[in-house]
PDB file of N, CA and C in Angstrom:
ATOM      1  N   UNK A   1      -0.145  26.737   9.263  1.00  0.00           N
ATOM      2  CA  UNK A   1      -0.438  25.339   9.517  1.00  0.00           C
ATOM      3  C   UNK A   1       0.893  24.623   9.738  1.00  0.00           C
ATOM      4  N   UNK A   2       0.996  23.885  10.781  1.00  0.00           N
ATOM      5  CA  UNK A   2       2.208  23.145  11.145  1.00  0.00           C
ATOM      6  C   UNK A   2       2.431  21.978  10.192  1.00  0.00           C
ATOM      7  N   UNK A   3       3.649  21.735   9.828  1.00  0.00           N
ATOM      8  CA  UNK A   3       4.008  20.600   9.019  1.00  0.00           C
ATOM      9  C   UNK A   3       4.098  19.358   9.867  1.00  0.00           C
ATOM     10  N   UNK A   4       3.626  18.256   9.297  1.00  0.00           N
ATOM     11  CA  UNK A   4       3.745  17.004  10.033  1.00  0.00           C
ATOM     12  C   UNK A   4       5.142  16.440   9.856  1.00  0.00           C
ATOM     13  N   UNK A   5       5.783  16.066  10.919  1.00  0.00           N
ATOM     14  CA  UNK A   5       7.198  15.579  10.871  1.00  0.00           C
ATOM     15  C   UNK A   5       7.290  14.140  10.445  1.00  0.00           C
ATOM     16  N   UNK A   6       8.496  13.749  10.043  1.00  0.00           N
ATOM     17  CA  UNK A   6       8.747  12.371   9.595  1.00  0.00           C
ATOM     18  C   UNK A   6       8.362  11.327  10.597  1.00  0.00           C
ATOM     19  N   UNK A   7       8.536  11.543  11.903  1.00  0.00           N
ATOM     20  CA  UNK A   7       8.126  10.467  12.855  1.00  0.00           C
ATOM     21  C   UNK A   7       6.641  10.210  12.773  1.00  0.00           C
ATOM     22  N   UNK A   8       5.822  11.187  12.554  1.00  0.00           N
ATOM     23  CA  UNK A   8       4.392  10.985  12.432  1.00  0.00           C
ATOM     24  C   UNK A   8       4.081  10.185  11.136  1.00  0.00           C
ATOM     25  N   UNK A   9       4.688  10.564  10.040  1.00  0.00           N
ATOM     26  CA  UNK A   9       4.478   9.846   8.758  1.00  0.00           C
ATOM     27  C   UNK A   9       4.961   8.431   8.868  1.00  0.00           C
ATOM     28  N   UNK A  10       6.064   8.223   9.552  1.00  0.00           N
ATOM     29  CA  UNK A  10       6.577   6.856   9.716  1.00  0.00           C
ATOM     30  C   UNK A  10       5.675   6.013  10.584  1.00  0.00           C
ATOM     31  N   UNK A  11       5.119   6.587  11.625  1.00  0.00           N
ATOM     32  CA  UNK A  11       4.173   5.840  12.456  1.00  0.00           C
ATOM     33  C   UNK A  11       2.896   5.479  11.668  1.00  0.00           C
ATOM     34  N   UNK A  12       2.424   6.449  10.867  1.00  0.00           N
ATOM     35  CA  UNK A  12       1.252   6.159  10.017  1.00  0.00           C
ATOM     36  C   UNK A  12       1.556   5.066   9.004  1.00  0.00           C
ATOM     37  N   UNK A  13       2.731   5.125   8.403  1.00  0.00           N
ATOM     38  CA  UNK A  13       3.139   4.089   7.463  1.00  0.00           C
ATOM     39  C   UNK A  13       3.184   2.699   8.043  1.00  0.00           C
ATOM     40  N   UNK A  14       3.882   2.591   9.196  1.00  0.00           N
ATOM     41  CA  UNK A  14       4.037   1.293   9.862  1.00  0.00           C
ATOM     42  C   UNK A  14       2.634   0.831  10.383  1.00  0.00           C
ATOM     43  N   UNK A  15       1.854   1.725  10.873  1.00  0.00           N
ATOM     44  CA  UNK A  15       0.524   1.298  11.337  1.00  0.00           C
ATOM     45  C   UNK A  15      -0.354   0.819  10.198  1.00  0.00           C
ATOM     46  N   UNK A  16      -0.209   1.463   9.032  1.00  0.00           N
ATOM     47  CA  UNK A  16      -0.985   1.018   7.874  1.00  0.00           C
ATOM     48  C   UNK A  16      -0.498  -0.387   7.410  1.00  0.00           C
ATOM     49  N   UNK A  17       0.830  -0.625   7.460  1.00  0.00           N
ATOM     50  CA  UNK A  17       1.375  -1.931   7.055  1.00  0.00           C
ATOM     51  C   UNK A  17       0.789  -3.029   7.985  1.00  0.00           C
ATOM     52  N   UNK A  18       0.758  -2.748   9.267  1.00  0.00           N
ATOM     53  CA  UNK A  18       0.244  -3.722  10.222  1.00  0.00           C
ATOM     54  C   UNK A  18      -1.249  -3.949   9.998  1.00  0.00           C
ATOM     55  N   UNK A  19      -1.992  -2.873   9.808  1.00  0.00           N
ATOM     56  CA  UNK A  19      -3.428  -3.004   9.618  1.00  0.00           C
ATOM     57  C   UNK A  19      -3.759  -3.786   8.328  1.00  0.00           C
ATOM     58  N   UNK A  20      -3.072  -3.458   7.257  1.00  0.00           N
ATOM     59  CA  UNK A  20      -3.342  -4.142   5.995  1.00  0.00           C
ATOM     60  C   UNK A  20      -3.008  -5.614   6.104  1.00  0.00           C
ATOM     61  N   UNK A  21      -1.900  -5.960   6.762  1.00  0.00           N
ATOM     62  CA  UNK A  21      -1.531  -7.335   6.914  1.00  0.00           C
ATOM     63  C   UNK A  21      -2.599  -8.081   7.725  1.00  0.00           C
ATOM     64  N   UNK A  22      -3.010  -7.470   8.794  1.00  0.00           N
ATOM     65  CA  UNK A  22      -4.063  -8.101   9.629  1.00  0.00           C
ATOM     66  C   UNK A  22      -5.365  -8.290   8.885  1.00  0.00           C
ATOM     67  N   UNK A  23      -5.766  -7.320   8.116  1.00  0.00           N
ATOM     68  CA  UNK A  23      -7.018  -7.426   7.367  1.00  0.00           C
ATOM     69  C   UNK A  23      -6.875  -8.461   6.269  1.00  0.00           C
ATOM     70  N   UNK A  24      -5.716  -8.570   5.704  1.00  0.00           N
ATOM     71  CA  UNK A  24      -5.494  -9.579   4.624  1.00  0.00           C
ATOM     72  C   UNK A  24      -5.628 -11.018   5.093  1.00  0.00           C
ATOM     73  N   UNK A  25      -5.451 -11.224   6.391  1.00  0.00           N
ATOM     74  CA  UNK A  25      -5.535 -12.610   6.904  1.00  0.00           C
ATOM     75  C   UNK A  25      -6.879 -12.953   7.498  1.00  0.00           C
ATOM     76  N   UNK A  26      -7.764 -11.943   7.631  1.00  0.00           N
ATOM     77  CA  UNK A  26      -9.108 -12.233   8.164  1.00  0.00           C
ATOM     78  C   UNK A  26      -9.897 -13.004   7.135  1.00  0.00           C
ATOM     79  N   UNK A  27     -10.776 -13.924   7.571  1.00  0.00           N
ATOM     80  CA  UNK A  27     -11.671 -14.545   6.621  1.00  0.00           C
ATOM     81  C   UNK A  27     -12.506 -13.505   5.912  1.00  0.00           C
ATOM     82  N   UNK A  28     -12.837 -13.701   4.640  1.00  0.00           N
ATOM     83  CA  UNK A  28     -13.541 -12.713   3.867  1.00  0.00           C
ATOM     84  C   UNK A  28     -14.855 -12.335   4.557  1.00  0.00           C
ATOM     85  N   UNK A  29     -15.513 -13.305   5.182  1.00  0.00           N
ATOM     86  CA  UNK A  29     -16.819 -13.059   5.797  1.00  0.00           C
ATOM     87  C   UNK A  29     -16.709 -12.112   7.017  1.00  0.00           C
ATOM     88  N   UNK A  30     -15.496 -12.010   7.604  1.00  0.00           N
ATOM     89  CA  UNK A  30     -15.332 -11.154   8.746  1.00  0.00           C
ATOM     90  C   UNK A  30     -14.843  -9.697   8.389  1.00  0.00           C
ATOM     91  N   UNK A  31     -14.560  -9.509   7.123  1.00  0.00           N
ATOM     92  CA  UNK A  31     -14.109  -8.164   6.697  1.00  0.00           C
ATOM     93  C   UNK A  31     -15.246  -7.197   6.730  1.00  0.00           C
ATOM     94  N   UNK A  32     -15.005  -5.931   7.090  1.00  0.00           N
ATOM     95  CA  UNK A  32     -16.112  -4.934   7.096  1.00  0.00           C
ATOM     96  C   UNK A  32     -16.532  -4.648   5.671  1.00  0.00           C
ATOM     97  N   UNK A  33     -17.815  -4.396   5.478  1.00  0.00           N
ATOM     98  CA  UNK A  33     -18.249  -4.124   4.104  1.00  0.00           C
ATOM     99  C   UNK A  33     -17.674  -2.845   3.575  1.00  0.00           C
ATOM    100  N   UNK A  34     -17.401  -2.780   2.282  1.00  0.00           N
ATOM    101  CA  UNK A  34     -16.882  -1.580   1.703  1.00  0.00           C
ATOM    102  C   UNK A  34     -17.986  -0.648   1.362  1.00  0.00           C
ATOM    103  N   UNK A  35     -17.715   0.648   1.406  1.00  0.00           N
ATOM    104  CA  UNK A  35     -18.683   1.668   1.069  1.00  0.00           C
ATOM    105  C   UNK A  35     -18.899   1.712  -0.480  1.00  0.00           C
ATOM    106  N   UNK A  36     -17.974   1.143  -1.210  1.00  0.00           N
ATOM    107  CA  UNK A  36     -18.050   1.082  -2.659  1.00  0.00           C
ATOM    108  C   UNK A  36     -17.588  -0.304  -3.104  1.00  0.00           C
ATOM    109  N   UNK A  37     -18.013  -0.689  -4.267  1.00  0.00           N
ATOM    110  CA  UNK A  37     -17.662  -2.028  -4.772  1.00  0.00           C
ATOM    111  C   UNK A  37     -16.549  -1.931  -5.760  1.00  0.00           C
ATOM    112  N   UNK A  38     -15.446  -2.633  -5.428  1.00  0.00           N
ATOM    113  CA  UNK A  38     -14.286  -2.716  -6.311  1.00  0.00           C
ATOM    114  C   UNK A  38     -13.881  -4.156  -6.394  1.00  0.00           C
ATOM    115  N   UNK A  39     -13.294  -4.515  -7.531  1.00  0.00           N
ATOM    116  CA  UNK A  39     -12.776  -5.920  -7.631  1.00  0.00           C
ATOM    117  C   UNK A  39     -11.651  -6.087  -6.644  1.00  0.00           C
ATOM    118  N   UNK A  40     -11.284  -7.320  -6.336  1.00  0.00           N
ATOM    119  CA  UNK A  40     -10.199  -7.608  -5.414  1.00  0.00           C
ATOM    120  C   UNK A  40      -8.913  -6.991  -5.936  1.00  0.00           C
ATOM    121  N   UNK A  41      -8.629  -7.100  -7.215  1.00  0.00           N
ATOM    122  CA  UNK A  41      -7.426  -6.527  -7.742  1.00  0.00           C
ATOM    123  C   UNK A  41      -7.382  -4.996  -7.627  1.00  0.00           C
ATOM    124  N   UNK A  42      -8.518  -4.338  -7.897  1.00  0.00           N
ATOM    125  CA  UNK A  42      -8.585  -2.921  -7.757  1.00  0.00           C
ATOM    126  C   UNK A  42      -8.360  -2.492  -6.306  1.00  0.00           C
ATOM    127  N   UNK A  43      -8.872  -3.272  -5.340  1.00  0.00           N
ATOM    128  CA  UNK A  43      -8.631  -2.988  -3.934  1.00  0.00           C
ATOM    129  C   UNK A  43      -7.141  -3.063  -3.613  1.00  0.00           C
ATOM    130  N   UNK A  44      -6.443  -4.131  -4.185  1.00  0.00           N
ATOM    131  CA  UNK A  44      -5.053  -4.259  -3.950  1.00  0.00           C
ATOM    132  C   UNK A  44      -4.291  -3.071  -4.500  1.00  0.00           C
ATOM    133  N   UNK A  45      -4.632  -2.689  -5.728  1.00  0.00           N
ATOM    134  CA  UNK A  45      -3.911  -1.559  -6.351  1.00  0.00           C
ATOM    135  C   UNK A  45      -4.128  -0.262  -5.542  1.00  0.00           C
ATOM    136  N   UNK A  46      -5.345  -0.057  -5.115  1.00  0.00           N
ATOM    137  CA  UNK A  46      -5.661   1.115  -4.346  1.00  0.00           C
ATOM    138  C   UNK A  46      -4.866   1.143  -2.995  1.00  0.00           C
ATOM    139  N   UNK A  47      -4.873   0.045  -2.316  1.00  0.00           N
ATOM    140  CA  UNK A  47      -4.170  -0.024  -0.998  1.00  0.00           C
ATOM    141  C   UNK A  47      -2.699   0.163  -1.186  1.00  0.00           C
ATOM    142  N   UNK A  48      -2.085  -0.446  -2.228  1.00  0.00           N
ATOM    143  CA  UNK A  48      -0.666  -0.304  -2.439  1.00  0.00           C
ATOM    144  C   UNK A  48      -0.262   1.085  -3.010  1.00  0.00           C
ATOM    145  N   UNK A  49      -1.222   1.751  -3.653  1.00  0.00           N
ATOM    146  CA  UNK A  49      -0.954   3.137  -4.041  1.00  0.00           C
ATOM    147  C   UNK A  49      -0.861   3.966  -2.787  1.00  0.00           C
ATOM    148  N   UNK A  50      -1.777   3.722  -1.840  1.00  0.00           N
ATOM    149  CA  UNK A  50      -1.798   4.535  -0.592  1.00  0.00           C
ATOM    150  C   UNK A  50      -0.574   4.174   0.249  1.00  0.00           C
ATOM    151  N   UNK A  51      -0.178   2.873   0.313  1.00  0.00           N
ATOM    152  CA  UNK A  51       1.025   2.494   1.050  1.00  0.00           C
ATOM    153  C   UNK A  51       2.252   3.120   0.437  1.00  0.00           C
ATOM    154  N   UNK A  52       2.330   3.207  -0.899  1.00  0.00           N
ATOM    155  CA  UNK A  52       3.459   3.836  -1.518  1.00  0.00           C
ATOM    156  C   UNK A  52       3.540   5.308  -1.130  1.00  0.00           C
ATOM    157  N   UNK A  53       2.393   6.008  -1.220  1.00  0.00           N
ATOM    158  CA  UNK A  53       2.380   7.439  -0.909  1.00  0.00           C
ATOM    159  C   UNK A  53       2.799   7.699   0.546  1.00  0.00           C
ATOM    160  N   UNK A  54       2.260   6.874   1.454  1.00  0.00           N
ATOM    161  CA  UNK A  54       2.667   6.981   2.865  1.00  0.00           C
ATOM    162  C   UNK A  54       4.172   6.681   3.031  1.00  0.00           C
ATOM    163  N   UNK A  55       4.615   5.611   2.422  1.00  0.00           N
ATOM    164  CA  UNK A  55       6.057   5.201   2.542  1.00  0.00           C
ATOM    165  C   UNK A  55       6.971   6.220   1.940  1.00  0.00           C
ATOM    166  N   UNK A  56       6.623   6.764   0.770  1.00  0.00           N
ATOM    167  CA  UNK A  56       7.474   7.736   0.100  1.00  0.00           C
ATOM    168  C   UNK A  56       7.528   9.060   0.861  1.00  0.00           C
ATOM    169  N   UNK A  57       6.455   9.351   1.590  1.00  0.00           N
ATOM    170  CA  UNK A  57       6.453  10.558   2.445  1.00  0.00           C
ATOM    171  C   UNK A  57       7.262  10.347   3.717  1.00  0.00           C
ATOM    172  N   UNK A  58       7.159   9.136   4.281  1.00  0.00           N
ATOM    173  CA  UNK A  58       7.851   8.773   5.511  1.00  0.00           C
ATOM    174  C   UNK A  58       9.360   8.563   5.296  1.00  0.00           C
ATOM    175  N   UNK A  59       9.648   8.024   4.157  1.00  0.00           N
ATOM    176  CA  UNK A  59      11.086   7.755   3.799  1.00  0.00           C
ATOM    177  C   UNK A  59      11.365   8.294   2.407  1.00  0.00           C
ATOM    178  N   UNK A  60      11.570   9.592   2.283  1.00  0.00           N
ATOM    179  CA  UNK A  60      11.611  10.250   0.985  1.00  0.00           C
ATOM    180  C   UNK A  60      12.832   9.909   0.131  1.00  0.00           C
ATOM    181  N   UNK A  61      13.903   9.448   0.736  1.00  0.00           N
ATOM    182  CA  UNK A  61      15.108   9.165  -0.045  1.00  0.00           C
ATOM    183  C   UNK A  61      15.329   7.716  -0.348  1.00  0.00           C
ATOM    184  N   UNK A  62      14.243   6.899  -0.291  1.00  0.00           N
ATOM    185  CA  UNK A  62      14.408   5.463  -0.425  1.00  0.00           C
ATOM    186  C   UNK A  62      13.432   4.867  -1.437  1.00  0.00           C
ATOM    187  N   UNK A  63      13.118   5.522  -2.512  1.00  0.00           N
ATOM    188  CA  UNK A  63      12.107   5.136  -3.424  1.00  0.00           C
ATOM    189  C   UNK A  63      12.330   3.721  -4.010  1.00  0.00           C
ATOM    190  N   UNK A  64      13.520   3.504  -4.505  1.00  0.00           N
ATOM    191  CA  UNK A  64      13.810   2.176  -5.094  1.00  0.00           C
ATOM    192  C   UNK A  64      13.722   1.099  -4.060  1.00  0.00           C
ATOM    193  N   UNK A  65      14.278   1.298  -2.942  1.00  0.00           N
ATOM    194  CA  UNK A  65      14.212   0.316  -1.833  1.00  0.00           C
ATOM    195  C   UNK A  65      12.769   0.179  -1.353  1.00  0.00           C
ATOM    196  N   UNK A  66      12.022   1.248  -1.257  1.00  0.00           N
ATOM    197  CA  UNK A  66      10.639   1.218  -0.875  1.00  0.00           C
ATOM    198  C   UNK A  66       9.796   0.340  -1.857  1.00  0.00           C
ATOM    199  N   UNK A  67      10.025   0.509  -3.151  1.00  0.00           N
ATOM    200  CA  UNK A  67       9.302  -0.290  -4.123  1.00  0.00           C
ATOM    201  C   UNK A  67       9.557  -1.775  -3.947  1.00  0.00           C
ATOM    202  N   UNK A  68      10.840  -2.152  -3.783  1.00  0.00           N
ATOM    203  CA  UNK A  68      11.215  -3.573  -3.612  1.00  0.00           C
ATOM    204  C   UNK A  68      10.607  -4.086  -2.310  1.00  0.00           C
ATOM    205  N   UNK A  69      10.684  -3.277  -1.221  1.00  0.00           N
ATOM    206  CA  UNK A  69      10.143  -3.718   0.062  1.00  0.00           C
ATOM    207  C   UNK A  69       8.625  -3.902  -0.030  1.00  0.00           C
ATOM    208  N   UNK A  70       7.913  -2.995  -0.671  1.00  0.00           N
ATOM    209  CA  UNK A  70       6.464  -3.153  -0.794  1.00  0.00           C
ATOM    210  C   UNK A  70       6.145  -4.369  -1.684  1.00  0.00           C
ATOM    211  N   UNK A  71       6.895  -4.630  -2.695  1.00  0.00           N
ATOM    212  CA  UNK A  71       6.658  -5.864  -3.479  1.00  0.00           C
ATOM    213  C   UNK A  71       6.865  -7.088  -2.638  1.00  0.00           C
ATOM    214  N   UNK A  72       7.883  -7.091  -1.807  1.00  0.00           N
ATOM    215  CA  UNK A  72       8.147  -8.206  -0.906  1.00  0.00           C
ATOM    216  C   UNK A  72       7.037  -8.333   0.140  1.00  0.00           C
ATOM    217  N   UNK A  73       6.560  -7.206   0.596  1.00  0.00           N
ATOM    218  CA  UNK A  73       5.418  -7.189   1.545  1.00  0.00           C
ATOM    219  C   UNK A  73       4.184  -7.781   0.915  1.00  0.00           C
ATOM    220  N   UNK A  74       3.887  -7.396  -0.332  1.00  0.00           N
ATOM    221  CA  UNK A  74       2.747  -8.009  -1.017  1.00  0.00           C
ATOM    222  C   UNK A  74       2.941  -9.477  -1.201  1.00  0.00           C
ATOM    223  N   UNK A  75       4.133  -9.898  -1.509  1.00  0.00           N
ATOM    224  CA  UNK A  75       4.393 -11.381  -1.614  1.00  0.00           C
ATOM    225  C   UNK A  75       4.250 -12.088  -0.297  1.00  0.00           C
ATOM    226  N   UNK A  76       4.624 -11.397   0.810  1.00  0.00           N
ATOM    227  CA  UNK A  76       4.434 -11.988   2.122  1.00  0.00           C
ATOM    228  C   UNK A  76       2.986 -12.139   2.477  1.00  0.00           C
ATOM    229  N   UNK A  77       2.175 -11.165   2.072  1.00  0.00           N
ATOM    230  CA  UNK A  77       0.747 -11.259   2.302  1.00  0.00           C
ATOM    231  C   UNK A  77       0.162 -12.435   1.558  1.00  0.00           C
ATOM    232  N   UNK A  78       0.525 -12.582   0.285  1.00  0.00           N
ATOM    233  CA  UNK A  78       0.010 -13.716  -0.485  1.00  0.00           C
ATOM    234  C   UNK A  78       0.482 -15.060   0.088  1.00  0.00           C
ATOM    235  N   UNK A  79       1.717 -15.155   0.532  1.00  0.00           N
ATOM    236  CA  UNK A  79       2.232 -16.359   1.139  1.00  0.00           C
ATOM    237  C   UNK A  79       1.445 -16.673   2.406  1.00  0.00           C
ATOM    238  N   UNK A  80       1.278 -15.672   3.247  1.00  0.00           N
ATOM    239  CA  UNK A  80       0.537 -15.857   4.526  1.00  0.00           C
ATOM    240  C   UNK A  80      -0.913 -16.318   4.214  1.00  0.00           C
ATOM    241  N   UNK A  81      -1.521 -15.709   3.196  1.00  0.00           N
ATOM    242  CA  UNK A  81      -2.903 -16.089   2.875  1.00  0.00           C
ATOM    243  C   UNK A  81      -2.981 -17.608   2.417  1.00  0.00           C
ATOM    244  N   UNK A  82      -1.912 -18.027   1.723  1.00  0.00           N
ATOM    245  CA  UNK A  82      -1.896 -19.406   1.298  1.00  0.00           C
ATOM    246  C   UNK A  82      -1.865 -20.378   2.476  1.00  0.00           C
ATOM    247  N   UNK A  83      -1.341 -19.904   3.574  1.00  0.00           N
ATOM    248  CA  UNK A  83      -1.209 -20.778   4.770  1.00  0.00           C
ATOM    249  C   UNK A  83      -2.451 -20.755   5.660  1.00  0.00           C
ATOM    250  N   UNK A  84      -3.428 -19.948   5.277  1.00  0.00           N
ATOM    251  CA  UNK A  84      -4.669 -19.874   6.084  1.00  0.00           C
ATOM    252  C   UNK A  84      -5.747 -20.785   5.419  1.00  0.00           C
ATOM    253  N   UNK A  85      -6.663 -21.279   6.266  1.00  0.00           N
ATOM    254  CA  UNK A  85      -7.697 -22.191   5.693  1.00  0.00           C
ATOM    255  C   UNK A  85      -8.811 -21.389   4.947  1.00  0.00           C
ATOM    256  N   UNK A  86      -8.856 -20.079   5.115  1.00  0.00           N
ATOM    257  CA  UNK A  86      -9.984 -19.301   4.590  1.00  0.00           C
ATOM    258  C   UNK A  86      -9.558 -18.380   3.431  1.00  0.00           C
ATOM    259  N   UNK A  87      -8.307 -18.188   3.177  1.00  0.00           N
ATOM    260  CA  UNK A  87      -7.841 -17.324   2.091  1.00  0.00           C
ATOM    261  C   UNK A  87      -6.963 -18.065   1.182  1.00  0.00           C
ATOM    262  N   UNK A  88      -6.691 -17.502   0.013  1.00  0.00           N
ATOM    263  CA  UNK A  88      -5.817 -18.131  -0.962  1.00  0.00           C
ATOM    264  C   UNK A  88      -4.898 -17.079  -1.623  1.00  0.00           C
ATOM    265  N   UNK A  89      -3.702 -17.514  -1.988  1.00  0.00           N
ATOM    266  CA  UNK A  89      -2.744 -16.643  -2.682  1.00  0.00           C
ATOM    267  C   UNK A  89      -3.122 -16.581  -4.144  1.00  0.00           C
ATOM    268  N   UNK A  90      -2.944 -15.403  -4.739  1.00  0.00           N
ATOM    269  CA  UNK A  90      -3.217 -15.210  -6.119  1.00  0.00           C
ATOM    270  C   UNK A  90      -2.193 -14.338  -6.788  1.00  0.00           C
ATOM    271  N   UNK A  91      -1.629 -14.742  -7.935  1.00  0.00           N
ATOM    272  CA  UNK A  91      -0.642 -13.986  -8.641  1.00  0.00           C
ATOM    273  C   UNK A  91      -1.232 -12.659  -9.059  1.00  0.00           C
ATOM    274  N   UNK A  92      -2.494 -12.645  -9.439  1.00  0.00           N
ATOM    275  CA  UNK A  92      -3.141 -11.421  -9.930  1.00  0.00           C
ATOM    276  C   UNK A  92      -3.137 -10.349  -8.830  1.00  0.00           C
ATOM    277  N   UNK A  93      -3.290 -10.784  -7.571  1.00  0.00           N
ATOM    278  CA  UNK A  93      -3.251  -9.811  -6.470  1.00  0.00           C
ATOM    279  C   UNK A  93      -1.856  -9.184  -6.375  1.00  0.00           C
ATOM    280  N   UNK A  94      -0.824 -10.023  -6.473  1.00  0.00           N
ATOM    281  CA  UNK A  94       0.519  -9.505  -6.365  1.00  0.00           C
ATOM    282  C   UNK A  94       0.841  -8.552  -7.563  1.00  0.00           C
ATOM    283  N   UNK A  95       0.343  -8.892  -8.713  1.00  0.00           N
ATOM    284  CA  UNK A  95       0.493  -7.970  -9.874  1.00  0.00           C
ATOM    285  C   UNK A  95      -0.221  -6.648  -9.588  1.00  0.00           C
ATOM    286  N   UNK A  96      -1.431  -6.750  -9.050  1.00  0.00           N
ATOM    287  CA  UNK A  96      -2.145  -5.528  -8.689  1.00  0.00           C
ATOM    288  C   UNK A  96      -1.424  -4.719  -7.674  1.00  0.00           C
ATOM    289  N   UNK A  97      -0.745  -5.347  -6.733  1.00  0.00           N
ATOM    290  CA  UNK A  97       0.106  -4.627  -5.778  1.00  0.00           C
ATOM    291  C   UNK A  97       1.183  -3.853  -6.517  1.00  0.00           C
ATOM    292  N   UNK A  98       1.842  -4.477  -7.507  1.00  0.00           N
ATOM    293  CA  UNK A  98       2.882  -3.859  -8.256  1.00  0.00           C
ATOM    294  C   UNK A  98       2.339  -2.646  -9.037  1.00  0.00           C
ATOM    295  N   UNK A  99       1.140  -2.824  -9.609  1.00  0.00           N
ATOM    296  CA  UNK A  99       0.538  -1.743 -10.359  1.00  0.00           C
ATOM    297  C   UNK A  99       0.219  -0.577  -9.391  1.00  0.00           C
ATOM    298  N   UNK A 100      -0.251  -0.878  -8.164  1.00  0.00           N
ATOM    299  CA  UNK A 100      -0.493   0.179  -7.211  1.00  0.00           C
ATOM    300  C   UNK A 100       0.769   0.883  -6.801  1.00  0.00           C
ATOM    301  N   UNK A 101       1.874   0.196  -6.646  1.00  0.00           N
ATOM    302  CA  UNK A 101       3.165   0.807  -6.336  1.00  0.00           C
ATOM    303  C   UNK A 101       3.530   1.741  -7.483  1.00  0.00           C
ATOM    304  N   UNK A 102       3.422   1.339  -8.705  1.00  0.00           N
ATOM    305  CA  UNK A 102       3.688   2.161  -9.847  1.00  0.00           C
ATOM    306  C   UNK A 102       2.846   3.396  -9.934  1.00  0.00           C
ATOM    307  N   UNK A 103       1.532   3.215  -9.649  1.00  0.00           N
ATOM    308  CA  UNK A 103       0.616   4.349  -9.674  1.00  0.00           C
ATOM    309  C   UNK A 103       0.948   5.350  -8.529  1.00  0.00           C
ATOM    310  N   UNK A 104       1.315   4.835  -7.385  1.00  0.00           N
ATOM    311  CA  UNK A 104       1.699   5.703  -6.265  1.00  0.00           C
ATOM    312  C   UNK A 104       2.945   6.463  -6.566  1.00  0.00           C
ATOM    313  N   UNK A 105       3.936   5.760  -7.165  1.00  0.00           N
ATOM    314  CA  UNK A 105       5.208   6.460  -7.567  1.00  0.00           C
ATOM    315  C   UNK A 105       4.912   7.568  -8.544  1.00  0.00           C
ATOM    316  N   UNK A 106       4.083   7.295  -9.545  1.00  0.00           N
ATOM    317  CA  UNK A 106       3.723   8.275 -10.539  1.00  0.00           C
ATOM    318  C   UNK A 106       3.006   9.469  -9.894  1.00  0.00           C
ATOM    319  N   UNK A 107       2.020   9.161  -8.999  1.00  0.00           N
ATOM    320  CA  UNK A 107       1.249  10.201  -8.373  1.00  0.00           C
ATOM    321  C   UNK A 107       2.087  11.090  -7.509  1.00  0.00           C
ATOM    322  N   UNK A 108       3.015  10.482  -6.747  1.00  0.00           N
ATOM    323  CA  UNK A 108       3.912  11.297  -5.910  1.00  0.00           C
ATOM    324  C   UNK A 108       4.862  12.141  -6.718  1.00  0.00           C
ATOM    325  N   UNK A 109       5.394  11.578  -7.800  1.00  0.00           N
ATOM    326  CA  UNK A 109       6.257  12.360  -8.693  1.00  0.00           C
ATOM    327  C   UNK A 109       5.523  13.517  -9.289  1.00  0.00           C
ATOM    328  N   UNK A 110       4.309  13.286  -9.721  1.00  0.00           N
ATOM    329  CA  UNK A 110       3.461  14.340 -10.288  1.00  0.00           C
ATOM    330  C   UNK A 110       3.211  15.412  -9.241  1.00  0.00           C
ATOM    331  N   UNK A 111       2.869  15.007  -8.020  1.00  0.00           N
ATOM    332  CA  UNK A 111       2.559  15.983  -6.950  1.00  0.00           C
ATOM    333  C   UNK A 111       3.832  16.806  -6.618  1.00  0.00           C
ATOM    334  N   UNK A 112       5.011  16.205  -6.618  1.00  0.00           N
ATOM    335  CA  UNK A 112       6.234  16.938  -6.353  1.00  0.00           C
ATOM    336  C   UNK A 112       6.454  17.962  -7.431  1.00  0.00           C
ATOM    337  N   UNK A 113       6.311  17.576  -8.734  1.00  0.00           N
ATOM    338  CA  UNK A 113       6.503  18.529  -9.806  1.00  0.00           C
ATOM    339  C   UNK A 113       5.476  19.680  -9.718  1.00  0.00           C
ATOM    340  N   UNK A 114       4.232  19.338  -9.377  1.00  0.00           N
ATOM    341  CA  UNK A 114       3.216  20.353  -9.265  1.00  0.00           C
ATOM    342  C   UNK A 114       3.557  21.374  -8.137  1.00  0.00           C
ATOM    343  N   UNK A 115       4.011  20.814  -7.005  1.00  0.00           N
ATOM    344  CA  UNK A 115       4.363  21.646  -5.896  1.00  0.00           C
ATOM    345  C   UNK A 115       5.552  22.561  -6.230  1.00  0.00           C
ATOM    346  N   UNK A 116       6.485  22.098  -7.008  1.00  0.00           N
ATOM    347  CA  UNK A 116       7.635  22.882  -7.384  1.00  0.00           C
ATOM    348  C   UNK A 116       7.214  23.983  -8.354  1.00  0.00           C
ATOM    349  N   UNK A 117       6.203  23.704  -9.170  1.00  0.00           N
ATOM    350  CA  UNK A 117       5.789  24.702 -10.211  1.00  0.00           C
ATOM    351  C   UNK A 117       4.965  25.859  -9.577  1.00  0.00           C
ATOM    352  N   UNK A 118       4.367  25.596  -8.432  1.00  0.00           N
ATOM    353  CA  UNK A 118       3.553  26.655  -7.757  1.00  0.00           C
ATOM    354  C   UNK A 118       4.411  27.340  -6.725  1.00  0.00           C
ATOM    355  N   UNK A 119       4.557  28.710  -6.893  1.00  0.00           N
ATOM    356  CA  UNK A 119       5.435  29.430  -5.992  1.00  0.00           C
ATOM    357  C   UNK A 119       4.828  29.497  -4.558  1.00  0.00           C
TER     358      UNK A 119
END
């Protein structure tokens, strides 16, 4: 099985950032229905866990910078939502973003240790 190179992971990461930002600015009524029901904060945590995992794979040597950048990105989303007539900024969402980043960091660290333990 061929390994996926960094350019592919980086394209996926940047594509995900663009998609998430676009979805975050859509009016809630225009968002596609979810296949499962999660609170808004749980959705934020899940999305930022996925963004962390993509970003850490795409940029493996920049974990501290990636965490700060994703926190800033989450803040930018909340600021942009405050400027729209149909969305609002919430501190709880930004906190959920931070929790998602921490969960992603933990999950990726765990996966790396597991991969190193298996010959």
